[in-house]
Amino acid sequence: AFSVGANDVANSFGTAVGSGVVTLRQACILASIFETTGSVLLGAKVGETIRKGIIDVNLYNGTVETLMAGEVSAMVGSAVWQLIASFLRLPISGTHCIVGSTIGFSLVAIGT
């Protein structure tokens, strides 16, 4: 959550803070409110899209442990990459990170 929030805030408020429209403090307050609201209101929809629209979880019926290990690996890998990218000031997409890693582990685990 920390890495996703840091990256989203940098992408969303970087130009506003850089141009002086909002202060860094105001950006942090606004981001705290709207990042939390967005995750509460839309988080389930995003999770459902990843669960149903990216990979077919029914293919993992006999190997639930593989699915769980893959999802945890995708989350950890995505979090680490987002922290590195935020530290290096690279504008990346957290959604692309998690979708790409989910597709990647599924290709490795069960193939195309």
PDB file of N, CA and C in Angstrom:
ATOM      1  N   ALA A   1       0.835  -1.190   0.000  1.00  0.00           N
ATOM      2  CA  ALA A   1       0.000   0.000   0.000  1.00  0.00           C
ATOM      3  C   ALA A   1       0.877   1.250   0.000  1.00  0.00           C
ATOM      4  N   PHE A   2       1.981   1.194   0.733  1.00  0.00           N
ATOM      5  CA  PHE A   2       2.872   2.341   0.791  1.00  0.00           C
ATOM      6  C   PHE A   2       3.443   2.656  -0.585  1.00  0.00           C
ATOM      7  N   SER A   3       3.915   1.630  -1.277  1.00  0.00           N
ATOM      8  CA  SER A   3       4.538   1.873  -2.581  1.00  0.00           C
ATOM      9  C   SER A   3       3.509   2.309  -3.614  1.00  0.00           C
ATOM     10  N   VAL A   4       2.315   1.734  -3.574  1.00  0.00           N
ATOM     11  CA  VAL A   4       1.260   2.133  -4.507  1.00  0.00           C
ATOM     12  C   VAL A   4       0.871   3.584  -4.259  1.00  0.00           C
ATOM     13  N   GLY A   5       0.670   3.928  -3.000  1.00  0.00           N
ATOM     14  CA  GLY A   5       0.299   5.301  -2.657  1.00  0.00           C
ATOM     15  C   GLY A   5       1.373   6.297  -3.032  1.00  0.00           C
ATOM     16  N   ALA A   6       2.619   5.972  -2.760  1.00  0.00           N
ATOM     17  CA  ALA A   6       3.713   6.888  -3.090  1.00  0.00           C
ATOM     18  C   ALA A   6       3.790   7.118  -4.589  1.00  0.00           C
ATOM     19  N   ASN A   7       3.653   6.059  -5.356  1.00  0.00           N
ATOM     20  CA  ASN A   7       3.727   6.190  -6.804  1.00  0.00           C
ATOM     21  C   ASN A   7       2.523   6.934  -7.367  1.00  0.00           C
ATOM     22  N   ASP A   8       1.325   6.615  -6.888  1.00  0.00           N
ATOM     23  CA  ASP A   8       0.119   7.299  -7.362  1.00  0.00           C
ATOM     24  C   ASP A   8       0.157   8.787  -7.050  1.00  0.00           C
ATOM     25  N   VAL A   9       0.582   9.116  -5.848  1.00  0.00           N
ATOM     26  CA  VAL A   9       0.639  10.523  -5.449  1.00  0.00           C
ATOM     27  C   VAL A   9       1.652  11.279  -6.303  1.00  0.00           C
ATOM     28  N   ALA A  10       2.794  10.669  -6.530  1.00  0.00           N
ATOM     29  CA  ALA A  10       3.798  11.334  -7.359  1.00  0.00           C
ATOM     30  C   ALA A  10       3.273  11.563  -8.768  1.00  0.00           C
ATOM     31  N   ASN A  11       2.606  10.575  -9.336  1.00  0.00           N
ATOM     32  CA  ASN A  11       2.059  10.725 -10.682  1.00  0.00           C
ATOM     33  C   ASN A  11       0.913  11.727 -10.720  1.00  0.00           C
ATOM     34  N   SER A  12       0.068  11.721  -9.704  1.00  0.00           N
ATOM     35  CA  SER A  12      -1.117  12.583  -9.700  1.00  0.00           C
ATOM     36  C   SER A  12      -0.817  14.031  -9.358  1.00  0.00           C
ATOM     37  N   PHE A  13       0.043  14.252  -8.383  1.00  0.00           N
ATOM     38  CA  PHE A  13       0.239  15.599  -7.854  1.00  0.00           C
ATOM     39  C   PHE A  13       1.579  16.225  -8.216  1.00  0.00           C
ATOM     40  N   GLY A  14       2.430  15.491  -8.921  1.00  0.00           N
ATOM     41  CA  GLY A  14       3.760  16.014  -9.243  1.00  0.00           C
ATOM     42  C   GLY A  14       3.724  17.330  -9.987  1.00  0.00           C
ATOM     43  N   THR A  15       2.899  17.426 -11.009  1.00  0.00           N
ATOM     44  CA  THR A  15       2.849  18.669 -11.778  1.00  0.00           C
ATOM     45  C   THR A  15       2.193  19.797 -10.995  1.00  0.00           C
ATOM     46  N   ALA A  16       1.175  19.471 -10.191  1.00  0.00           N
ATOM     47  CA  ALA A  16       0.499  20.517  -9.399  1.00  0.00           C
ATOM     48  C   ALA A  16       1.437  21.094  -8.340  1.00  0.00           C
ATOM     49  N   VAL A  17       2.212  20.245  -7.695  1.00  0.00           N
ATOM     50  CA  VAL A  17       3.168  20.729  -6.693  1.00  0.00           C
ATOM     51  C   VAL A  17       4.317  21.464  -7.380  1.00  0.00           C
ATOM     52  N   GLY A  18       4.781  20.908  -8.484  1.00  0.00           N
ATOM     53  CA  GLY A  18       5.889  21.533  -9.203  1.00  0.00           C
ATOM     54  C   GLY A  18       5.560  22.920  -9.731  1.00  0.00           C
ATOM     55  N   SER A  19       4.304  23.113 -10.123  1.00  0.00           N
ATOM     56  CA  SER A  19       3.914  24.427 -10.649  1.00  0.00           C
ATOM     57  C   SER A  19       3.498  25.389  -9.551  1.00  0.00           C
ATOM     58  N   GLY A  20       3.383  24.909  -8.324  1.00  0.00           N
ATOM     59  CA  GLY A  20       3.037  25.770  -7.203  1.00  0.00           C
ATOM     60  C   GLY A  20       1.551  25.952  -6.970  1.00  0.00           C
ATOM     61  N   VAL A  21       0.715  25.185  -7.669  1.00  0.00           N
ATOM     62  CA  VAL A  21      -0.740  25.287  -7.487  1.00  0.00           C
ATOM     63  C   VAL A  21      -1.136  24.804  -6.095  1.00  0.00           C
ATOM     64  N   VAL A  22      -0.531  23.718  -5.642  1.00  0.00           N
ATOM     65  CA  VAL A  22      -0.756  23.215  -4.283  1.00  0.00           C
ATOM     66  C   VAL A  22       0.606  23.012  -3.624  1.00  0.00           C
ATOM     67  N   THR A  23       0.613  23.113  -2.305  1.00  0.00           N
ATOM     68  CA  THR A  23       1.854  22.858  -1.573  1.00  0.00           C
ATOM     69  C   THR A  23       2.023  21.361  -1.386  1.00  0.00           C
ATOM     70  N   LEU A  24       3.201  20.956  -1.004  1.00  0.00           N
ATOM     71  CA  LEU A  24       3.452  19.535  -0.754  1.00  0.00           C
ATOM     72  C   LEU A  24       2.545  19.026   0.363  1.00  0.00           C
ATOM     73  N   ARG A  25       2.350  19.824   1.385  1.00  0.00           N
ATOM     74  CA  ARG A  25       1.474  19.444   2.500  1.00  0.00           C
ATOM     75  C   ARG A  25       0.035  19.258   2.025  1.00  0.00           C
ATOM     76  N   GLN A  26      -0.467  20.193   1.211  1.00  0.00           N
ATOM     77  CA  GLN A  26      -1.822  20.079   0.677  1.00  0.00           C
ATOM     78  C   GLN A  26      -1.958  18.837  -0.198  1.00  0.00           C
ATOM     79  N   ALA A  27      -0.947  18.557  -1.002  1.00  0.00           N
ATOM     80  CA  ALA A  27      -0.983  17.373  -1.864  1.00  0.00           C
ATOM     81  C   ALA A  27      -1.044  16.093  -1.030  1.00  0.00           C
ATOM     82  N   CYS A  28      -0.297  16.048   0.056  1.00  0.00           N
ATOM     83  CA  CYS A  28      -0.316  14.864   0.924  1.00  0.00           C
ATOM     84  C   CYS A  28      -1.684  14.686   1.580  1.00  0.00           C
ATOM     85  N   ILE A  29      -2.281  15.777   2.021  1.00  0.00           N
ATOM     86  CA  ILE A  29      -3.610  15.691   2.645  1.00  0.00           C
ATOM     87  C   ILE A  29      -4.658  15.252   1.623  1.00  0.00           C
ATOM     88  N   LEU A  30      -4.662  15.903   0.457  1.00  0.00           N
ATOM     89  CA  LEU A  30      -5.614  15.528  -0.593  1.00  0.00           C
ATOM     90  C   LEU A  30      -5.414  14.084  -1.040  1.00  0.00           C
ATOM     91  N   ALA A  31      -4.167  13.684  -1.198  1.00  0.00           N
ATOM     92  CA  ALA A  31      -3.885  12.317  -1.625  1.00  0.00           C
ATOM     93  C   ALA A  31      -4.348  11.302  -0.583  1.00  0.00           C
ATOM     94  N   SER A  32      -4.135  11.601   0.691  1.00  0.00           N
ATOM     95  CA  SER A  32      -4.589  10.686   1.745  1.00  0.00           C
ATOM     96  C   SER A  32      -6.090  10.477   1.681  1.00  0.00           C
ATOM     97  N   ILE A  33      -6.810  11.550   1.473  1.00  0.00           N
ATOM     98  CA  ILE A  33      -8.279  11.465   1.405  1.00  0.00           C
ATOM     99  C   ILE A  33      -8.719  10.692   0.164  1.00  0.00           C
ATOM    100  N   PHE A  34      -8.219  11.106  -1.004  1.00  0.00           N
ATOM    101  CA  PHE A  34      -8.731  10.540  -2.243  1.00  0.00           C
ATOM    102  C   PHE A  34      -8.161   9.162  -2.566  1.00  0.00           C
ATOM    103  N   GLU A  35      -6.942   8.857  -2.164  1.00  0.00           N
ATOM    104  CA  GLU A  35      -6.406   7.508  -2.358  1.00  0.00           C
ATOM    105  C   GLU A  35      -7.189   6.503  -1.511  1.00  0.00           C
ATOM    106  N   THR A  36      -7.483   6.873  -0.262  1.00  0.00           N
ATOM    107  CA  THR A  36      -8.251   5.989   0.613  1.00  0.00           C
ATOM    108  C   THR A  36      -9.671   5.816   0.092  1.00  0.00           C
ATOM    109  N   THR A  37     -10.313   6.918  -0.291  1.00  0.00           N
ATOM    110  CA  THR A  37     -11.676   6.853  -0.819  1.00  0.00           C
ATOM    111  C   THR A  37     -11.731   5.997  -2.079  1.00  0.00           C
ATOM    112  N   GLY A  38     -10.798   6.197  -2.964  1.00  0.00           N
ATOM    113  CA  GLY A  38     -10.764   5.420  -4.202  1.00  0.00           C
ATOM    114  C   GLY A  38     -10.569   3.940  -3.961  1.00  0.00           C
ATOM    115  N   SER A  39      -9.691   3.594  -3.041  1.00  0.00           N
ATOM    116  CA  SER A  39      -9.459   2.175  -2.782  1.00  0.00           C
ATOM    117  C   SER A  39     -10.660   1.517  -2.116  1.00  0.00           C
ATOM    118  N   VAL A  40     -11.344   2.260  -1.250  1.00  0.00           N
ATOM    119  CA  VAL A  40     -12.529   1.707  -0.587  1.00  0.00           C
ATOM    120  C   VAL A  40     -13.679   1.550  -1.584  1.00  0.00           C
ATOM    121  N   LEU A  41     -13.899   2.570  -2.412  1.00  0.00           N
ATOM    122  CA  LEU A  41     -15.041   2.542  -3.330  1.00  0.00           C
ATOM    123  C   LEU A  41     -14.810   1.681  -4.567  1.00  0.00           C
ATOM    124  N   LEU A  42     -13.582   1.627  -5.072  1.00  0.00           N
ATOM    125  CA  LEU A  42     -13.330   0.945  -6.338  1.00  0.00           C
ATOM    126  C   LEU A  42     -12.404  -0.260  -6.230  1.00  0.00           C
ATOM    127  N   GLY A  43     -11.836  -0.499  -5.078  1.00  0.00           N
ATOM    128  CA  GLY A  43     -10.880  -1.599  -4.920  1.00  0.00           C
ATOM    129  C   GLY A  43     -11.450  -2.960  -5.252  1.00  0.00           C
ATOM    130  N   ALA A  44     -12.679  -3.212  -4.857  1.00  0.00           N
ATOM    131  CA  ALA A  44     -13.294  -4.515  -5.131  1.00  0.00           C
ATOM    132  C   ALA A  44     -13.487  -4.734  -6.626  1.00  0.00           C
ATOM    133  N   LYS A  45     -13.843  -3.686  -7.353  1.00  0.00           N
ATOM    134  CA  LYS A  45     -14.026  -3.803  -8.809  1.00  0.00           C
ATOM    135  C   LYS A  45     -12.706  -4.131  -9.501  1.00  0.00           C
ATOM    136  N   VAL A  46     -11.637  -3.481  -9.061  1.00  0.00           N
ATOM    137  CA  VAL A  46     -10.325  -3.752  -9.644  1.00  0.00           C
ATOM    138  C   VAL A  46      -9.913  -5.191  -9.344  1.00  0.00           C
ATOM    139  N   GLY A  47     -10.109  -5.618  -8.099  1.00  0.00           N
ATOM    140  CA  GLY A  47      -9.796  -7.002  -7.724  1.00  0.00           C
ATOM    141  C   GLY A  47     -10.598  -8.005  -8.527  1.00  0.00           C
ATOM    142  N   GLU A  48     -11.853  -7.708  -8.763  1.00  0.00           N
ATOM    143  CA  GLU A  48     -12.705  -8.605  -9.555  1.00  0.00           C
ATOM    144  C   GLU A  48     -12.231  -8.676 -11.003  1.00  0.00           C
ATOM    145  N   THR A  49     -11.833  -7.552 -11.556  1.00  0.00           N
ATOM    146  CA  THR A  49     -11.330  -7.550 -12.933  1.00  0.00           C
ATOM    147  C   THR A  49     -10.074  -8.395 -13.039  1.00  0.00           C
ATOM    148  N   ILE A  50      -9.182  -8.247 -12.086  1.00  0.00           N
ATOM    149  CA  ILE A  50      -7.956  -9.050 -12.118  1.00  0.00           C
ATOM    150  C   ILE A  50      -8.287 -10.526 -11.917  1.00  0.00           C
ATOM    151  N   ARG A  51      -9.228 -10.820 -11.019  1.00  0.00           N
ATOM    152  CA  ARG A  51      -9.588 -12.216 -10.737  1.00  0.00           C
ATOM    153  C   ARG A  51     -10.290 -12.874 -11.914  1.00  0.00           C
ATOM    154  N   LYS A  52     -11.167 -12.154 -12.593  1.00  0.00           N
ATOM    155  CA  LYS A  52     -11.952 -12.753 -13.674  1.00  0.00           C
ATOM    156  C   LYS A  52     -11.477 -12.379 -15.071  1.00  0.00           C
ATOM    157  N   GLY A  53     -10.839 -11.227 -15.230  1.00  0.00           N
ATOM    158  CA  GLY A  53     -10.521 -10.740 -16.560  1.00  0.00           C
ATOM    159  C   GLY A  53      -9.103 -10.976 -17.017  1.00  0.00           C
ATOM    160  N   ILE A  54      -8.199 -11.312 -16.118  1.00  0.00           N
ATOM    161  CA  ILE A  54      -6.794 -11.471 -16.488  1.00  0.00           C
ATOM    162  C   ILE A  54      -6.428 -12.948 -16.637  1.00  0.00           C
ATOM    163  N   ILE A  55      -6.693 -13.725 -15.618  1.00  0.00           N
ATOM    164  CA  ILE A  55      -6.416 -15.162 -15.672  1.00  0.00           C
ATOM    165  C   ILE A  55      -7.669 -15.920 -15.245  1.00  0.00           C
ATOM    166  N   ASP A  56      -7.762 -17.155 -15.671  1.00  0.00           N
ATOM    167  CA  ASP A  56      -8.879 -18.012 -15.291  1.00  0.00           C
ATOM    168  C   ASP A  56      -8.472 -18.781 -14.032  1.00  0.00           C
ATOM    169  N   VAL A  57      -9.003 -18.372 -12.884  1.00  0.00           N
ATOM    170  CA  VAL A  57      -8.601 -19.003 -11.627  1.00  0.00           C
ATOM    171  C   VAL A  57      -9.074 -20.448 -11.530  1.00  0.00           C
ATOM    172  N   ASN A  58     -10.042 -20.841 -12.351  1.00  0.00           N
ATOM    173  CA  ASN A  58     -10.496 -22.233 -12.340  1.00  0.00           C
ATOM    174  C   ASN A  58      -9.406 -23.193 -12.788  1.00  0.00           C
ATOM    175  N   LEU A  59      -8.415 -22.693 -13.530  1.00  0.00           N
ATOM    176  CA  LEU A  59      -7.297 -23.541 -13.943  1.00  0.00           C
ATOM    177  C   LEU A  59      -6.421 -23.943 -12.761  1.00  0.00           C
ATOM    178  N   TYR A  60      -6.588 -23.263 -11.628  1.00  0.00           N
ATOM    179  CA  TYR A  60      -5.793 -23.544 -10.430  1.00  0.00           C
ATOM    180  C   TYR A  60      -6.561 -24.351  -9.394  1.00  0.00           C
ATOM    181  N   ASN A  61      -7.670 -24.970  -9.780  1.00  0.00           N
ATOM    182  CA  ASN A  61      -8.494 -25.705  -8.812  1.00  0.00           C
ATOM    183  C   ASN A  61      -7.712 -26.763  -8.052  1.00  0.00           C
ATOM    184  N   GLY A  62      -6.834 -27.484  -8.698  1.00  0.00           N
ATOM    185  CA  GLY A  62      -6.067 -28.515  -8.018  1.00  0.00           C
ATOM    186  C   GLY A  62      -4.828 -27.997  -7.329  1.00  0.00           C
ATOM    187  N   THR A  63      -4.423 -26.797  -7.653  1.00  0.00           N
ATOM    188  CA  THR A  63      -3.177 -26.256  -7.111  1.00  0.00           C
ATOM    189  C   THR A  63      -3.386 -24.832  -6.589  1.00  0.00           C
ATOM    190  N   VAL A  64      -4.204 -24.713  -5.580  1.00  0.00           N
ATOM    191  CA  VAL A  64      -4.499 -23.397  -4.999  1.00  0.00           C
ATOM    192  C   VAL A  64      -3.238 -22.770  -4.411  1.00  0.00           C
ATOM    193  N   GLU A  65      -2.345 -23.607  -3.880  1.00  0.00           N
ATOM    194  CA  GLU A  65      -1.107 -23.089  -3.295  1.00  0.00           C
ATOM    195  C   GLU A  65      -0.266 -22.361  -4.336  1.00  0.00           C
ATOM    196  N   THR A  66      -0.268 -22.870  -5.560  1.00  0.00           N
ATOM    197  CA  THR A  66       0.480 -22.222  -6.643  1.00  0.00           C
ATOM    198  C   THR A  66      -0.101 -20.851  -6.948  1.00  0.00           C
ATOM    199  N   LEU A  67      -1.422 -20.762  -6.990  1.00  0.00           N
ATOM    200  CA  LEU A  67      -2.074 -19.476  -7.235  1.00  0.00           C
ATOM    201  C   LEU A  67      -1.742 -18.479  -6.126  1.00  0.00           C
ATOM    202  N   MET A  68      -1.820 -18.906  -4.892  1.00  0.00           N
ATOM    203  CA  MET A  68      -1.519 -18.016  -3.768  1.00  0.00           C
ATOM    204  C   MET A  68      -0.057 -17.578  -3.782  1.00  0.00           C
ATOM    205  N   ALA A  69       0.848 -18.499  -4.042  1.00  0.00           N
ATOM    206  CA  ALA A  69       2.269 -18.152  -4.108  1.00  0.00           C
ATOM    207  C   ALA A  69       2.527 -17.168  -5.243  1.00  0.00           C
ATOM    208  N   GLY A  70       1.873 -17.390  -6.372  1.00  0.00           N
ATOM    209  CA  GLY A  70       2.022 -16.485  -7.509  1.00  0.00           C
ATOM    210  C   GLY A  70       1.493 -15.102  -7.218  1.00  0.00           C
ATOM    211  N   GLU A  71       0.326 -15.016  -6.587  1.00  0.00           N
ATOM    212  CA  GLU A  71      -0.253 -13.712  -6.259  1.00  0.00           C
ATOM    213  C   GLU A  71       0.595 -12.954  -5.233  1.00  0.00           C
ATOM    214  N   VAL A  72       1.086 -13.660  -4.230  1.00  0.00           N
ATOM    215  CA  VAL A  72       1.950 -13.009  -3.232  1.00  0.00           C
ATOM    216  C   VAL A  72       3.245 -12.544  -3.901  1.00  0.00           C
ATOM    217  N   SER A  73       3.797 -13.374  -4.775  1.00  0.00           N
ATOM    218  CA  SER A  73       5.013 -12.979  -5.495  1.00  0.00           C
ATOM    219  C   SER A  73       4.760 -11.760  -6.375  1.00  0.00           C
ATOM    220  N   ALA A  74       3.611 -11.734  -7.038  1.00  0.00           N
ATOM    221  CA  ALA A  74       3.259 -10.585  -7.880  1.00  0.00           C
ATOM    222  C   ALA A  74       3.142  -9.322  -7.034  1.00  0.00           C
ATOM    223  N   MET A  75       2.518  -9.428  -5.875  1.00  0.00           N
ATOM    224  CA  MET A  75       2.357  -8.253  -5.011  1.00  0.00           C
ATOM    225  C   MET A  75       3.692  -7.761  -4.475  1.00  0.00           C
ATOM    226  N   VAL A  76       4.538  -8.673  -4.026  1.00  0.00           N
ATOM    227  CA  VAL A  76       5.842  -8.281  -3.486  1.00  0.00           C
ATOM    228  C   VAL A  76       6.714  -7.688  -4.590  1.00  0.00           C
ATOM    229  N   GLY A  77       6.742  -8.340  -5.742  1.00  0.00           N
ATOM    230  CA  GLY A  77       7.532  -7.832  -6.860  1.00  0.00           C
ATOM    231  C   GLY A  77       7.059  -6.462  -7.313  1.00  0.00           C
ATOM    232  N   SER A  78       5.753  -6.293  -7.386  1.00  0.00           N
ATOM    233  CA  SER A  78       5.183  -5.010  -7.783  1.00  0.00           C
ATOM    234  C   SER A  78       5.507  -3.924  -6.764  1.00  0.00           C
ATOM    235  N   ALA A  79       5.396  -4.242  -5.488  1.00  0.00           N
ATOM    236  CA  ALA A  79       5.697  -3.265  -4.440  1.00  0.00           C
ATOM    237  C   ALA A  79       7.158  -2.845  -4.482  1.00  0.00           C
ATOM    238  N   VAL A  80       8.052  -3.801  -4.640  1.00  0.00           N
ATOM    239  CA  VAL A  80       9.482  -3.481  -4.697  1.00  0.00           C
ATOM    240  C   VAL A  80       9.786  -2.618  -5.921  1.00  0.00           C
ATOM    241  N   TRP A  81       9.226  -2.993  -7.074  1.00  0.00           N
ATOM    242  CA  TRP A  81       9.461  -2.221  -8.292  1.00  0.00           C
ATOM    243  C   TRP A  81       8.920  -0.796  -8.147  1.00  0.00           C
ATOM    244  N   GLN A  82       7.751  -0.651  -7.564  1.00  0.00           N
ATOM    245  CA  GLN A  82       7.175   0.681  -7.395  1.00  0.00           C
ATOM    246  C   GLN A  82       7.999   1.538  -6.431  1.00  0.00           C
ATOM    247  N   LEU A  83       8.535   0.928  -5.381  1.00  0.00           N
ATOM    248  CA  LEU A  83       9.401   1.678  -4.469  1.00  0.00           C
ATOM    249  C   LEU A  83      10.671   2.135  -5.170  1.00  0.00           C
ATOM    250  N   ILE A  84      11.263   1.242  -5.949  1.00  0.00           N
ATOM    251  CA  ILE A  84      12.479   1.599  -6.694  1.00  0.00           C
ATOM    252  C   ILE A  84      12.168   2.705  -7.691  1.00  0.00           C
ATOM    253  N   ALA A  85      11.066   2.554  -8.429  1.00  0.00           N
ATOM    254  CA  ALA A  85      10.697   3.562  -9.427  1.00  0.00           C
ATOM    255  C   ALA A  85      10.390   4.908  -8.779  1.00  0.00           C
ATOM    256  N   SER A  86       9.722   4.883  -7.640  1.00  0.00           N
ATOM    257  CA  SER A  86       9.432   6.143  -6.946  1.00  0.00           C
ATOM    258  C   SER A  86      10.714   6.794  -6.453  1.00  0.00           C
ATOM    259  N   PHE A  87      11.635   6.002  -5.931  1.00  0.00           N
ATOM    260  CA  PHE A  87      12.914   6.528  -5.466  1.00  0.00           C
ATOM    261  C   PHE A  87      13.696   7.163  -6.625  1.00  0.00           C
ATOM    262  N   LEU A  88      13.619   6.517  -7.798  1.00  0.00           N
ATOM    263  CA  LEU A  88      14.330   7.021  -8.981  1.00  0.00           C
ATOM    264  C   LEU A  88      13.521   8.057  -9.758  1.00  0.00           C
ATOM    265  N   ARG A  89      12.323   8.386  -9.239  1.00  0.00           N
ATOM    266  CA  ARG A  89      11.433   9.376  -9.856  1.00  0.00           C
ATOM    267  C   ARG A  89      11.001   8.976 -11.257  1.00  0.00           C
ATOM    268  N   LEU A  90      10.712   7.688 -11.432  1.00  0.00           N
ATOM    269  CA  LEU A  90      10.231   7.185 -12.714  1.00  0.00           C
ATOM    270  C   LEU A  90       8.707   7.128 -12.689  1.00  0.00           C
ATOM    271  N   PRO A  91       8.046   7.676 -13.678  1.00  0.00           N
ATOM    272  CA  PRO A  91       6.577   7.596 -13.710  1.00  0.00           C
ATOM    273  C   PRO A  91       6.130   6.252 -14.290  1.00  0.00           C
ATOM    274  N   ILE A  92       5.700   5.361 -13.424  1.00  0.00           N
ATOM    275  CA  ILE A  92       5.256   4.042 -13.873  1.00  0.00           C
ATOM    276  C   ILE A  92       3.799   3.837 -13.461  1.00  0.00           C
ATOM    277  N   SER A  93       3.199   2.796 -13.956  1.00  0.00           N
ATOM    278  CA  SER A  93       1.819   2.472 -13.620  1.00  0.00           C
ATOM    279  C   SER A  93       1.785   1.270 -12.685  1.00  0.00           C
ATOM    280  N   GLY A  94       1.203   1.471 -11.512  1.00  0.00           N
ATOM    281  CA  GLY A  94       1.056   0.368 -10.570  1.00  0.00           C
ATOM    282  C   GLY A  94       0.144  -0.713 -11.106  1.00  0.00           C
ATOM    283  N   THR A  95      -0.879  -0.318 -11.837  1.00  0.00           N
ATOM    284  CA  THR A  95      -1.800  -1.296 -12.423  1.00  0.00           C
ATOM    285  C   THR A  95      -1.073  -2.168 -13.437  1.00  0.00           C
ATOM    286  N   HIS A  96      -0.252  -1.567 -14.270  1.00  0.00           N
ATOM    287  CA  HIS A  96       0.502  -2.358 -15.236  1.00  0.00           C
ATOM    288  C   HIS A  96       1.464  -3.312 -14.539  1.00  0.00           C
ATOM    289  N   CYS A  97       2.036  -2.879 -13.419  1.00  0.00           N
ATOM    290  CA  CYS A  97       2.943  -3.749 -12.650  1.00  0.00           C
ATOM    291  C   CYS A  97       2.234  -5.018 -12.211  1.00  0.00           C
ATOM    292  N   ILE A  98       1.074  -4.844 -11.576  1.00  0.00           N
ATOM    293  CA  ILE A  98       0.394  -6.007 -11.000  1.00  0.00           C
ATOM    294  C   ILE A  98      -0.228  -6.886 -12.083  1.00  0.00           C
ATOM    295  N   VAL A  99      -0.773  -6.278 -13.129  1.00  0.00           N
ATOM    296  CA  VAL A  99      -1.353  -7.067 -14.222  1.00  0.00           C
ATOM    297  C   VAL A  99      -0.259  -7.840 -14.946  1.00  0.00           C
ATOM    298  N   GLY A 100       0.845  -7.175 -15.245  1.00  0.00           N
ATOM    299  CA  GLY A 100       1.949  -7.851 -15.926  1.00  0.00           C
ATOM    300  C   GLY A 100       2.536  -8.995 -15.106  1.00  0.00           C
ATOM    301  N   SER A 101       2.702  -8.779 -13.820  1.00  0.00           N
ATOM    302  CA  SER A 101       3.261  -9.850 -12.984  1.00  0.00           C
ATOM    303  C   SER A 101       2.265 -10.994 -12.804  1.00  0.00           C
ATOM    304  N   THR A 102       0.977 -10.690 -12.777  1.00  0.00           N
ATOM    305  CA  THR A 102      -0.032 -11.748 -12.687  1.00  0.00           C
ATOM    306  C   THR A 102      -0.026 -12.598 -13.957  1.00  0.00           C
ATOM    307  N   ILE A 103       0.030 -11.954 -15.099  1.00  0.00           N
ATOM    308  CA  ILE A 103       0.109 -12.698 -16.360  1.00  0.00           C
ATOM    309  C   ILE A 103       1.397 -13.508 -16.410  1.00  0.00           C
ATOM    310  N   GLY A 104       2.487 -12.903 -15.972  1.00  0.00           N
ATOM    311  CA  GLY A 104       3.782 -13.589 -16.002  1.00  0.00           C
ATOM    312  C   GLY A 104       3.821 -14.847 -15.158  1.00  0.00           C
ATOM    313  N   PHE A 105       3.354 -14.765 -13.901  1.00  0.00           N
ATOM    314  CA  PHE A 105       3.413 -15.985 -13.072  1.00  0.00           C
ATOM    315  C   PHE A 105       2.456 -17.028 -13.581  1.00  0.00           C
ATOM    316  N   SER A 106       1.344 -16.623 -14.172  1.00  0.00           N
ATOM    317  CA  SER A 106       0.387 -17.595 -14.700  1.00  0.00           C
ATOM    318  C   SER A 106       0.974 -18.311 -15.929  1.00  0.00           C
ATOM    319  N   LEU A 107       1.686 -17.566 -16.765  1.00  0.00           N
ATOM    320  CA  LEU A 107       2.342 -18.204 -17.915  1.00  0.00           C
ATOM    321  C   LEU A 107       3.386 -19.216 -17.457  1.00  0.00           C
ATOM    322  N   VAL A 108       4.128 -18.858 -16.417  1.00  0.00           N
ATOM    323  CA  VAL A 108       5.151 -19.773 -15.901  1.00  0.00           C
ATOM    324  C   VAL A 108       4.515 -20.987 -15.232  1.00  0.00           C
ATOM    325  N   ALA A 109       3.447 -20.750 -14.442  1.00  0.00           N
ATOM    326  CA  ALA A 109       2.838 -21.834 -13.671  1.00  0.00           C
ATOM    327  C   ALA A 109       2.049 -22.825 -14.532  1.00  0.00           C
ATOM    328  N   ILE A 110       1.223 -22.310 -15.466  1.00  0.00           N
ATOM    329  CA  ILE A 110       0.365 -23.234 -16.218  1.00  0.00           C
ATOM    330  C   ILE A 110       0.474 -23.099 -17.722  1.00  0.00           C
ATOM    331  N   GLY A 111       1.272 -22.177 -18.198  1.00  0.00           N
ATOM    332  CA  GLY A 111       1.460 -22.006 -19.647  1.00  0.00           C
ATOM    333  C   GLY A 111       0.386 -21.129 -20.264  1.00  0.00           C
ATOM    334  N   THR A 112       0.341 -21.125 -21.574  1.00  0.00           N
ATOM    335  CA  THR A 112      -0.611 -20.248 -22.268  1.00  0.00           C
ATOM    336  C   THR A 112      -2.013 -20.797 -22.185  1.00  0.00           C
TER     337      THR A 112
END
